């Protein structure tokens, strides 16, 4: 079944005030939904930079463990992370760092919007190790009070951004300082205006996001859909999107994570829905082209 990204001006559920005419990329579902017993609380997923065909995923509570998946959703390994304490681990991203390739672990969840600060742990991306230690830890505060968030974006130049969820207030974009000091608490900078006024409805809350390997696109997802944004626009605070793909048909109990590969494959993870039910894995194939070729 072919599923196309609908023009943003016609999409139901995304605020029309931010919708703009951007040609959409065609996307189609690829395979059936896969159940993953090892990931009942599958929250985030990221594409490896070091090992082709590998994904990194995690639960949002319990042990500090990175779960390695192949591109069909099968578990291929587990890497224990030492030197970190989990509060509410909601996102993982792979990106550039001084050592080459690193995994950024985002302990940024805050359901009640009351945390005094959030935390990002950075570890060298593993190859075949079964354990690895946190190399750097960065703390941060928002300039306008606490927010719940489940999305960490790592730009191609190593810049870090957070997109807030929108459960208790409006969805917003926040940027870390360019120079990060391990162990220090940094103040984030809000970029542009919130996506819309007021808190997001349940179907509009952002549960994860990722940057395409070439840096051209940012993908953001909710529990029921995902949308592609030109990265230059989003990182400047412009919420322009290229439409969205409706995910209700694939049957996720609770859609959470998203990652995007160089070939346009979009990987989706979700929680099992409670009572230790297996998490879920699905994927879509999207045709991505630079904006000037559309």
C-alpha atoms as a PDB file:
ATOM      1  CA  UNK A   1       0.000   0.000   0.000  1.00  0.00           C
ATOM      2  CA  UNK A   2       1.401   3.355  -1.004  1.00  0.00           C
ATOM      3  CA  UNK A   3       1.025   6.192   1.503  1.00  0.00           C
ATOM      4  CA  UNK A   4       1.816   9.683   0.286  1.00  0.00           C
ATOM      5  CA  UNK A   5       2.701  12.709   2.320  1.00  0.00           C
ATOM      6  CA  UNK A   6      -0.323  14.986   2.130  1.00  0.00           C
ATOM      7  CA  UNK A   7       0.113  18.693   1.449  1.00  0.00           C
ATOM      8  CA  UNK A   8       0.484  20.426   4.804  1.00  0.00           C
ATOM      9  CA  UNK A   9      -2.298  22.884   4.004  1.00  0.00           C
ATOM     10  CA  UNK A  10      -4.739  19.959   3.952  1.00  0.00           C
ATOM     11  CA  UNK A  11      -3.368  17.906   6.826  1.00  0.00           C
ATOM     12  CA  UNK A  12      -5.725  17.410   9.728  1.00  0.00           C
ATOM     13  CA  UNK A  13      -4.091  17.796  13.128  1.00  0.00           C
ATOM     14  CA  UNK A  14      -1.228  20.160  12.274  1.00  0.00           C
ATOM     15  CA  UNK A  15      -1.983  23.835  12.973  1.00  0.00           C
ATOM     16  CA  UNK A  16      -2.997  25.574   9.743  1.00  0.00           C
ATOM     17  CA  UNK A  17      -1.253  28.760  10.849  1.00  0.00           C
ATOM     18  CA  UNK A  18       2.118  27.103  10.225  1.00  0.00           C
ATOM     19  CA  UNK A  19       1.211  25.064   7.128  1.00  0.00           C
ATOM     20  CA  UNK A  20       2.901  26.102   3.912  1.00  0.00           C
ATOM     21  CA  UNK A  21       3.046  24.784   0.360  1.00  0.00           C
ATOM     22  CA  UNK A  22       6.152  22.588   0.242  1.00  0.00           C
ATOM     23  CA  UNK A  23       6.222  19.701  -2.258  1.00  0.00           C
ATOM     24  CA  UNK A  24       5.848  16.428  -0.418  1.00  0.00           C
ATOM     25  CA  UNK A  25       7.995  13.309  -0.539  1.00  0.00           C
ATOM     26  CA  UNK A  26       6.180  10.072  -1.404  1.00  0.00           C
ATOM     27  CA  UNK A  27       6.318   7.481   1.380  1.00  0.00           C
ATOM     28  CA  UNK A  28       5.035   3.933   1.637  1.00  0.00           C
ATOM     29  CA  UNK A  29       4.797   1.410   4.438  1.00  0.00           C
ATOM     30  CA  UNK A  30       7.470  -1.299   4.251  1.00  0.00           C
ATOM     31  CA  UNK A  31       6.619  -4.611   5.904  1.00  0.00           C
ATOM     32  CA  UNK A  32       4.438  -5.475   8.857  1.00  0.00           C
ATOM     33  CA  UNK A  33       4.569  -4.275  12.442  1.00  0.00           C
ATOM     34  CA  UNK A  34       7.191  -6.214  14.449  1.00  0.00           C
ATOM     35  CA  UNK A  35       6.903  -6.974  18.189  1.00  0.00           C
ATOM     36  CA  UNK A  36      10.032  -6.564  20.350  1.00  0.00           C
ATOM     37  CA  UNK A  37       9.774  -8.144  23.832  1.00  0.00           C
ATOM     38  CA  UNK A  38      13.099  -6.537  24.868  1.00  0.00           C
ATOM     39  CA  UNK A  39      11.634  -3.056  24.371  1.00  0.00           C
ATOM     40  CA  UNK A  40       8.265  -2.844  26.157  1.00  0.00           C
ATOM     41  CA  UNK A  41       8.864   0.880  26.723  1.00  0.00           C
ATOM     42  CA  UNK A  42      10.586   1.598  23.407  1.00  0.00           C
ATOM     43  CA  UNK A  43      10.986   5.351  23.505  1.00  0.00           C
ATOM     44  CA  UNK A  44      13.767   6.405  21.144  1.00  0.00           C
ATOM     45  CA  UNK A  45      15.625   5.041  18.135  1.00  0.00           C
ATOM     46  CA  UNK A  46      18.604   6.261  16.094  1.00  0.00           C
ATOM     47  CA  UNK A  47      20.569   5.134  13.050  1.00  0.00           C
ATOM     48  CA  UNK A  48      24.193   4.132  13.641  1.00  0.00           C
ATOM     49  CA  UNK A  49      26.957   6.130  11.959  1.00  0.00           C
ATOM     50  CA  UNK A  50      29.606   3.452  12.596  1.00  0.00           C
ATOM     51  CA  UNK A  51      27.851   0.204  11.707  1.00  0.00           C
ATOM     52  CA  UNK A  52      25.703   0.021   8.540  1.00  0.00           C
ATOM     53  CA  UNK A  53      22.380  -1.693   9.149  1.00  0.00           C
ATOM     54  CA  UNK A  54      22.402  -1.067  12.906  1.00  0.00           C
ATOM     55  CA  UNK A  55      19.905   0.939  14.934  1.00  0.00           C
ATOM     56  CA  UNK A  56      20.113   1.957  18.577  1.00  0.00           C
ATOM     57  CA  UNK A  57      16.984   1.892  20.748  1.00  0.00           C
ATOM     58  CA  UNK A  58      16.141   2.047  24.452  1.00  0.00           C
ATOM     59  CA  UNK A  59      13.449   1.762  27.092  1.00  0.00           C
ATOM     60  CA  UNK A  60      12.547   4.925  28.993  1.00  0.00           C
ATOM     61  CA  UNK A  61      13.059   3.435  32.464  1.00  0.00           C
ATOM     62  CA  UNK A  62      14.872   0.601  34.185  1.00  0.00           C
ATOM     63  CA  UNK A  63      18.465  -0.211  33.306  1.00  0.00           C
ATOM     64  CA  UNK A  64      20.717   2.107  31.318  1.00  0.00           C
ATOM     65  CA  UNK A  65      21.003  -0.161  28.293  1.00  0.00           C
ATOM     66  CA  UNK A  66      21.254   0.575  24.592  1.00  0.00           C
ATOM     67  CA  UNK A  67      19.559  -2.125  22.525  1.00  0.00           C
ATOM     68  CA  UNK A  68      21.014  -2.792  19.072  1.00  0.00           C
ATOM     69  CA  UNK A  69      18.501  -3.648  16.338  1.00  0.00           C
ATOM     70  CA  UNK A  70      18.889  -4.617  12.720  1.00  0.00           C
ATOM     71  CA  UNK A  71      16.803  -2.928  10.034  1.00  0.00           C
ATOM     72  CA  UNK A  72      14.067  -5.558  10.378  1.00  0.00           C
ATOM     73  CA  UNK A  73      13.570  -4.909  14.098  1.00  0.00           C
ATOM     74  CA  UNK A  74      15.435  -7.952  15.449  1.00  0.00           C
ATOM     75  CA  UNK A  75      17.552  -7.459  18.586  1.00  0.00           C
ATOM     76  CA  UNK A  76      21.235  -8.061  17.789  1.00  0.00           C
ATOM     77  CA  UNK A  77      22.900  -6.880  20.998  1.00  0.00           C
ATOM     78  CA  UNK A  78      22.739  -4.979  24.267  1.00  0.00           C
ATOM     79  CA  UNK A  79      25.239  -2.404  25.534  1.00  0.00           C
ATOM     80  CA  UNK A  80      25.176  -1.422  29.177  1.00  0.00           C
ATOM     81  CA  UNK A  81      25.955   2.256  29.830  1.00  0.00           C
ATOM     82  CA  UNK A  82      27.784   3.026  33.075  1.00  0.00           C
ATOM     83  CA  UNK A  83      28.156   6.428  34.699  1.00  0.00           C
ATOM     84  CA  UNK A  84      24.570   7.603  34.249  1.00  0.00           C
ATOM     85  CA  UNK A  85      21.407   7.554  36.304  1.00  0.00           C
ATOM     86  CA  UNK A  86      18.043   7.418  34.555  1.00  0.00           C
ATOM     87  CA  UNK A  87      15.353   9.902  35.536  1.00  0.00           C
ATOM     88  CA  UNK A  88      13.220   9.945  32.375  1.00  0.00           C
ATOM     89  CA  UNK A  89      15.256   8.811  29.349  1.00  0.00           C
ATOM     90  CA  UNK A  90      13.144   9.831  26.349  1.00  0.00           C
ATOM     91  CA  UNK A  91      15.386  10.143  23.285  1.00  0.00           C
ATOM     92  CA  UNK A  92      18.615   8.972  21.711  1.00  0.00           C
ATOM     93  CA  UNK A  93      20.503  10.469  18.762  1.00  0.00           C
ATOM     94  CA  UNK A  94      23.711   9.664  16.933  1.00  0.00           C
ATOM     95  CA  UNK A  95      25.874  12.504  15.716  1.00  0.00           C
ATOM     96  CA  UNK A  96      29.286  14.039  15.341  1.00  0.00           C
ATOM     97  CA  UNK A  97      31.474  14.682  18.382  1.00  0.00           C
ATOM     98  CA  UNK A  98      35.163  15.438  19.006  1.00  0.00           C
ATOM     99  CA  UNK A  99      35.890  11.703  19.031  1.00  0.00           C
ATOM    100  CA  UNK A 100      34.123  11.012  15.738  1.00  0.00           C
ATOM    101  CA  UNK A 101      30.692   9.442  16.277  1.00  0.00           C
ATOM    102  CA  UNK A 102      28.803   9.598  19.559  1.00  0.00           C
ATOM    103  CA  UNK A 103      25.452   8.592  20.966  1.00  0.00           C
ATOM    104  CA  UNK A 104      23.590  11.359  22.765  1.00  0.00           C
ATOM    105  CA  UNK A 105      21.255  10.071  25.484  1.00  0.00           C
ATOM    106  CA  UNK A 106      18.544  12.585  26.364  1.00  0.00           C
ATOM    107  CA  UNK A 107      17.158  12.403  29.897  1.00  0.00           C
ATOM    108  CA  UNK A 108      14.657  15.161  29.186  1.00  0.00           C
ATOM    109  CA  UNK A 109      11.221  13.779  30.079  1.00  0.00           C
ATOM    110  CA  UNK A 110       9.211  15.829  32.560  1.00  0.00           C
ATOM    111  CA  UNK A 111       5.547  14.871  32.621  1.00  0.00           C
ATOM    112  CA  UNK A 112       4.650  17.416  35.283  1.00  0.00           C
ATOM    113  CA  UNK A 113       6.961  20.156  33.916  1.00  0.00           C
ATOM    114  CA  UNK A 114       8.723  20.550  37.250  1.00  0.00           C
ATOM    115  CA  UNK A 115      12.354  19.431  36.758  1.00  0.00           C
ATOM    116  CA  UNK A 116      14.970  21.994  37.718  1.00  0.00           C
ATOM    117  CA  UNK A 117      17.217  20.847  34.884  1.00  0.00           C
ATOM    118  CA  UNK A 118      17.494  18.257  32.141  1.00  0.00           C
ATOM    119  CA  UNK A 119      20.508  16.131  31.195  1.00  0.00           C
ATOM    120  CA  UNK A 120      22.256  14.927  28.045  1.00  0.00           C
ATOM    121  CA  UNK A 121      24.813  12.111  28.313  1.00  0.00           C
ATOM    122  CA  UNK A 122      27.328  11.574  25.509  1.00  0.00           C
ATOM    123  CA  UNK A 123      29.055   8.245  24.884  1.00  0.00           C
ATOM    124  CA  UNK A 124      31.344   7.131  22.045  1.00  0.00           C
ATOM    125  CA  UNK A 125      29.284   5.031  19.663  1.00  0.00           C
ATOM    126  CA  UNK A 126      30.017   1.361  20.414  1.00  0.00           C
ATOM    127  CA  UNK A 127      31.160  -1.130  17.837  1.00  0.00           C
ATOM    128  CA  UNK A 128      31.225  -4.591  19.413  1.00  0.00           C
ATOM    129  CA  UNK A 129      31.434  -3.663  23.099  1.00  0.00           C
ATOM    130  CA  UNK A 130      28.915  -5.025  25.599  1.00  0.00           C
ATOM    131  CA  UNK A 131      29.436  -2.084  27.966  1.00  0.00           C
ATOM    132  CA  UNK A 132      30.532   1.516  27.636  1.00  0.00           C
ATOM    133  CA  UNK A 133      30.998   4.470  29.981  1.00  0.00           C
ATOM    134  CA  UNK A 134      29.533   7.946  29.694  1.00  0.00           C
ATOM    135  CA  UNK A 135      32.209  10.307  28.441  1.00  0.00           C
ATOM    136  CA  UNK A 136      30.494  13.683  28.939  1.00  0.00           C
ATOM    137  CA  UNK A 137      27.377  14.898  30.724  1.00  0.00           C
ATOM    138  CA  UNK A 138      25.697  18.230  29.996  1.00  0.00           C
ATOM    139  CA  UNK A 139      22.888  19.768  32.017  1.00  0.00           C
ATOM    140  CA  UNK A 140      20.490  22.478  30.856  1.00  0.00           C
ATOM    141  CA  UNK A 141      17.622  24.695  31.930  1.00  0.00           C
ATOM    142  CA  UNK A 142      14.952  26.355  29.816  1.00  0.00           C
ATOM    143  CA  UNK A 143      14.790  30.172  29.728  1.00  0.00           C
ATOM    144  CA  UNK A 144      11.030  30.178  30.344  1.00  0.00           C
ATOM    145  CA  UNK A 145      10.415  27.463  32.903  1.00  0.00           C
ATOM    146  CA  UNK A 146      10.328  23.674  32.788  1.00  0.00           C
ATOM    147  CA  UNK A 147       8.932  21.745  29.810  1.00  0.00           C
ATOM    148  CA  UNK A 148       8.219  18.123  29.026  1.00  0.00           C
ATOM    149  CA  UNK A 149      10.218  16.928  25.999  1.00  0.00           C
ATOM    150  CA  UNK A 150      10.912  13.685  24.148  1.00  0.00           C
ATOM    151  CA  UNK A 151      12.938  14.929  21.156  1.00  0.00           C
ATOM    152  CA  UNK A 152      16.661  15.601  20.822  1.00  0.00           C
ATOM    153  CA  UNK A 153      18.040  16.698  17.438  1.00  0.00           C
ATOM    154  CA  UNK A 154      21.745  16.653  16.566  1.00  0.00           C
ATOM    155  CA  UNK A 155      22.546  18.904  13.606  1.00  0.00           C
ATOM    156  CA  UNK A 156      25.325  17.918  11.152  1.00  0.00           C
ATOM    157  CA  UNK A 157      27.665  20.461  12.752  1.00  0.00           C
ATOM    158  CA  UNK A 158      27.086  18.911  16.202  1.00  0.00           C
ATOM    159  CA  UNK A 159      24.602  21.525  17.406  1.00  0.00           C
ATOM    160  CA  UNK A 160      21.979  20.230  19.852  1.00  0.00           C
ATOM    161  CA  UNK A 161      18.283  21.130  19.800  1.00  0.00           C
ATOM    162  CA  UNK A 162      15.271  20.039  21.822  1.00  0.00           C
ATOM    163  CA  UNK A 163      11.687  20.072  20.602  1.00  0.00           C
ATOM    164  CA  UNK A 164       9.242  20.108  23.498  1.00  0.00           C
ATOM    165  CA  UNK A 165       6.295  17.731  23.514  1.00  0.00           C
ATOM    166  CA  UNK A 166       3.454  20.206  23.874  1.00  0.00           C
ATOM    167  CA  UNK A 167       1.563  18.244  26.545  1.00  0.00           C
ATOM    168  CA  UNK A 168       1.573  21.015  29.144  1.00  0.00           C
ATOM    169  CA  UNK A 169       2.284  24.016  26.910  1.00  0.00           C
ATOM    170  CA  UNK A 170       2.972  24.892  23.277  1.00  0.00           C
ATOM    171  CA  UNK A 171       5.458  22.893  21.198  1.00  0.00           C
ATOM    172  CA  UNK A 172       8.729  24.849  21.042  1.00  0.00           C
ATOM    173  CA  UNK A 173      12.290  24.581  19.735  1.00  0.00           C
ATOM    174  CA  UNK A 174      15.276  25.190  22.033  1.00  0.00           C
ATOM    175  CA  UNK A 175      18.982  25.341  21.230  1.00  0.00           C
ATOM    176  CA  UNK A 176      21.982  24.440  23.363  1.00  0.00           C
ATOM    177  CA  UNK A 177      24.936  26.860  23.433  1.00  0.00           C
ATOM    178  CA  UNK A 178      27.562  26.187  20.801  1.00  0.00           C
ATOM    179  CA  UNK A 179      30.289  25.622  23.391  1.00  0.00           C
ATOM    180  CA  UNK A 180      29.322  22.905  25.866  1.00  0.00           C
ATOM    181  CA  UNK A 181      31.132  22.362  29.156  1.00  0.00           C
ATOM    182  CA  UNK A 182      30.920  18.857  30.607  1.00  0.00           C
ATOM    183  CA  UNK A 183      29.304  18.862  34.029  1.00  0.00           C
ATOM    184  CA  UNK A 184      28.039  22.423  33.695  1.00  0.00           C
ATOM    185  CA  UNK A 185      24.428  23.596  33.576  1.00  0.00           C
ATOM    186  CA  UNK A 186      23.692  25.574  30.404  1.00  0.00           C
ATOM    187  CA  UNK A 187      20.736  27.800  29.647  1.00  0.00           C
ATOM    188  CA  UNK A 188      18.903  26.894  26.470  1.00  0.00           C
ATOM    189  CA  UNK A 189      17.836  29.502  23.927  1.00  0.00           C
ATOM    190  CA  UNK A 190      14.340  29.449  22.482  1.00  0.00           C
ATOM    191  CA  UNK A 191      14.431  29.537  18.688  1.00  0.00           C
ATOM    192  CA  UNK A 192      11.590  31.394  16.989  1.00  0.00           C
ATOM    193  CA  UNK A 193       8.027  31.224  18.191  1.00  0.00           C
ATOM    194  CA  UNK A 194       6.133  28.165  19.472  1.00  0.00           C
ATOM    195  CA  UNK A 195       4.552  26.016  16.777  1.00  0.00           C
ATOM    196  CA  UNK A 196       1.099  27.212  17.803  1.00  0.00           C
ATOM    197  CA  UNK A 197      -0.506  28.987  20.717  1.00  0.00           C
ATOM    198  CA  UNK A 198      -1.494  26.882  23.687  1.00  0.00           C
ATOM    199  CA  UNK A 199      -0.725  23.289  24.507  1.00  0.00           C
ATOM    200  CA  UNK A 200      -0.975  20.691  21.775  1.00  0.00           C
ATOM    201  CA  UNK A 201      -3.860  18.280  21.468  1.00  0.00           C
ATOM    202  CA  UNK A 202      -3.104  14.621  22.135  1.00  0.00           C
ATOM    203  CA  UNK A 203      -2.604  13.871  18.430  1.00  0.00           C
ATOM    204  CA  UNK A 204      -0.211  16.818  17.964  1.00  0.00           C
ATOM    205  CA  UNK A 205       2.252  16.076  20.775  1.00  0.00           C
ATOM    206  CA  UNK A 206       5.799  15.500  19.533  1.00  0.00           C
ATOM    207  CA  UNK A 207       7.160  12.169  20.772  1.00  0.00           C
ATOM    208  CA  UNK A 208      10.483  12.072  18.873  1.00  0.00           C
ATOM    209  CA  UNK A 209      12.462  13.478  15.974  1.00  0.00           C
ATOM    210  CA  UNK A 210      15.644  12.994  13.979  1.00  0.00           C
ATOM    211  CA  UNK A 211      17.876  14.678  11.420  1.00  0.00           C
ATOM    212  CA  UNK A 212      18.570  12.975   8.084  1.00  0.00           C
ATOM    213  CA  UNK A 213      22.229  11.907   7.640  1.00  0.00           C
ATOM    214  CA  UNK A 214      22.799  14.540   4.941  1.00  0.00           C
ATOM    215  CA  UNK A 215      21.342  17.224   7.191  1.00  0.00           C
ATOM    216  CA  UNK A 216      18.645  18.231   4.689  1.00  0.00           C
ATOM    217  CA  UNK A 217      15.567  17.120   6.603  1.00  0.00           C
ATOM    218  CA  UNK A 218      14.231  16.920  10.131  1.00  0.00           C
ATOM    219  CA  UNK A 219      11.537  14.368  10.817  1.00  0.00           C
ATOM    220  CA  UNK A 220       9.163  14.869  13.750  1.00  0.00           C
ATOM    221  CA  UNK A 221       6.563  12.366  14.852  1.00  0.00           C
ATOM    222  CA  UNK A 222       3.500  12.204  17.048  1.00  0.00           C
ATOM    223  CA  UNK A 223       1.687   9.121  18.266  1.00  0.00           C
ATOM    224  CA  UNK A 224      -0.240   8.941  14.998  1.00  0.00           C
ATOM    225  CA  UNK A 225       1.799  10.602  12.241  1.00  0.00           C
ATOM    226  CA  UNK A 226       5.180  11.884  11.113  1.00  0.00           C
ATOM    227  CA  UNK A 227       6.177  14.950   9.095  1.00  0.00           C
ATOM    228  CA  UNK A 228       9.302  16.082   7.261  1.00  0.00           C
ATOM    229  CA  UNK A 229      10.642  19.606   7.753  1.00  0.00           C
ATOM    230  CA  UNK A 230      13.417  21.287   5.743  1.00  0.00           C
ATOM    231  CA  UNK A 231      16.153  21.400   8.384  1.00  0.00           C
ATOM    232  CA  UNK A 232      17.387  24.898   7.506  1.00  0.00           C
ATOM    233  CA  UNK A 233      13.885  26.227   8.115  1.00  0.00           C
ATOM    234  CA  UNK A 234      13.259  24.327  11.337  1.00  0.00           C
ATOM    235  CA  UNK A 235      16.608  25.176  12.911  1.00  0.00           C
ATOM    236  CA  UNK A 236      15.834  28.833  12.197  1.00  0.00           C
ATOM    237  CA  UNK A 237      12.533  28.533  14.043  1.00  0.00           C
ATOM    238  CA  UNK A 238      10.264  28.163  11.001  1.00  0.00           C
ATOM    239  CA  UNK A 239       7.802  25.279  11.405  1.00  0.00           C
ATOM    240  CA  UNK A 240       7.263  24.801   7.660  1.00  0.00           C
ATOM    241  CA  UNK A 241       6.628  21.144   6.867  1.00  0.00           C
ATOM    242  CA  UNK A 242       6.233  19.009   3.772  1.00  0.00           C
ATOM    243  CA  UNK A 243       3.037  17.346   4.951  1.00  0.00           C
ATOM    244  CA  UNK A 244       2.624  14.214   6.997  1.00  0.00           C
ATOM    245  CA  UNK A 245       2.116  10.466   6.875  1.00  0.00           C
ATOM    246  CA  UNK A 246      -0.794   9.062   8.853  1.00  0.00           C
ATOM    247  CA  UNK A 247       0.357   6.080  10.949  1.00  0.00           C
ATOM    248  CA  UNK A 248      -2.908   4.870  12.432  1.00  0.00           C
ATOM    249  CA  UNK A 249      -3.174   1.990   9.953  1.00  0.00           C
ATOM    250  CA  UNK A 250       0.032   0.260  11.141  1.00  0.00           C
ATOM    251  CA  UNK A 251      -1.470  -0.411  14.574  1.00  0.00           C
ATOM    252  CA  UNK A 252       1.063   0.977  17.060  1.00  0.00           C
ATOM    253  CA  UNK A 253      -0.210   0.759  20.634  1.00  0.00           C
ATOM    254  CA  UNK A 254       1.735   3.907  21.571  1.00  0.00           C
ATOM    255  CA  UNK A 255       3.930   5.428  18.875  1.00  0.00           C
ATOM    256  CA  UNK A 256       7.117   6.964  20.300  1.00  0.00           C
ATOM    257  CA  UNK A 257      10.443   6.872  18.426  1.00  0.00           C
ATOM    258  CA  UNK A 258      11.563   7.817  14.915  1.00  0.00           C
ATOM    259  CA  UNK A 259      14.813   7.719  12.938  1.00  0.00           C
ATOM    260  CA  UNK A 260      15.651   8.343   9.291  1.00  0.00           C
ATOM    261  CA  UNK A 261      18.387   6.713   7.212  1.00  0.00           C
ATOM    262  CA  UNK A 262      20.367   8.044   4.259  1.00  0.00           C
ATOM    263  CA  UNK A 263      18.247   6.066   1.783  1.00  0.00           C
ATOM    264  CA  UNK A 264      15.013   7.628   3.075  1.00  0.00           C
ATOM    265  CA  UNK A 265      13.929   4.708   5.240  1.00  0.00           C
ATOM    266  CA  UNK A 266      11.996   5.902   8.288  1.00  0.00           C
ATOM    267  CA  UNK A 267      12.158   3.645  11.359  1.00  0.00           C
ATOM    268  CA  UNK A 268       9.450   3.812  14.018  1.00  0.00           C
ATOM    269  CA  UNK A 269       9.386   2.374  17.528  1.00  0.00           C
ATOM    270  CA  UNK A 270       6.576   2.322  20.054  1.00  0.00           C
ATOM    271  CA  UNK A 271       5.683   1.167  23.541  1.00  0.00           C
ATOM    272  CA  UNK A 272       3.690  -2.008  23.987  1.00  0.00           C
ATOM    273  CA  UNK A 273       0.817  -0.363  25.771  1.00  0.00           C
ATOM    274  CA  UNK A 274       1.413  -1.427  29.384  1.00  0.00           C
ATOM    275  CA  UNK A 275       1.731  -4.633  31.422  1.00  0.00           C
ATOM    276  CA  UNK A 276       5.145  -5.366  29.855  1.00  0.00           C
ATOM    277  CA  UNK A 277       3.630  -5.924  26.421  1.00  0.00           C
ATOM    278  CA  UNK A 278       6.275  -6.092  23.655  1.00  0.00           C
ATOM    279  CA  UNK A 279       7.267  -2.826  22.049  1.00  0.00           C
ATOM    280  CA  UNK A 280       6.800  -2.313  18.324  1.00  0.00           C
ATOM    281  CA  UNK A 281       8.929  -1.621  15.259  1.00  0.00           C
ATOM    282  CA  UNK A 282       7.819  -0.472  11.813  1.00  0.00           C
ATOM    283  CA  UNK A 283       9.337   1.235   8.817  1.00  0.00           C
ATOM    284  CA  UNK A 284       8.429   3.394   5.852  1.00  0.00           C
ATOM    285  CA  UNK A 285      10.298   4.062   2.629  1.00  0.00           C
ATOM    286  CA  UNK A 286      10.378   7.714   1.587  1.00  0.00           C
ATOM    287  CA  UNK A 287      11.781   9.335  -1.540  1.00  0.00           C
ATOM    288  CA  UNK A 288      13.893  12.238  -0.303  1.00  0.00           C
ATOM    289  CA  UNK A 289      15.347  14.815  -2.658  1.00  0.00           C
ATOM    290  CA  UNK A 290      17.011  18.187  -2.049  1.00  0.00           C
ATOM    291  CA  UNK A 291      14.456  20.978  -2.057  1.00  0.00           C
ATOM    292  CA  UNK A 292      15.851  22.496  -5.283  1.00  0.00           C
ATOM    293  CA  UNK A 293      15.040  19.261  -7.129  1.00  0.00           C
ATOM    294  CA  UNK A 294      11.377  19.219  -6.112  1.00  0.00           C
END
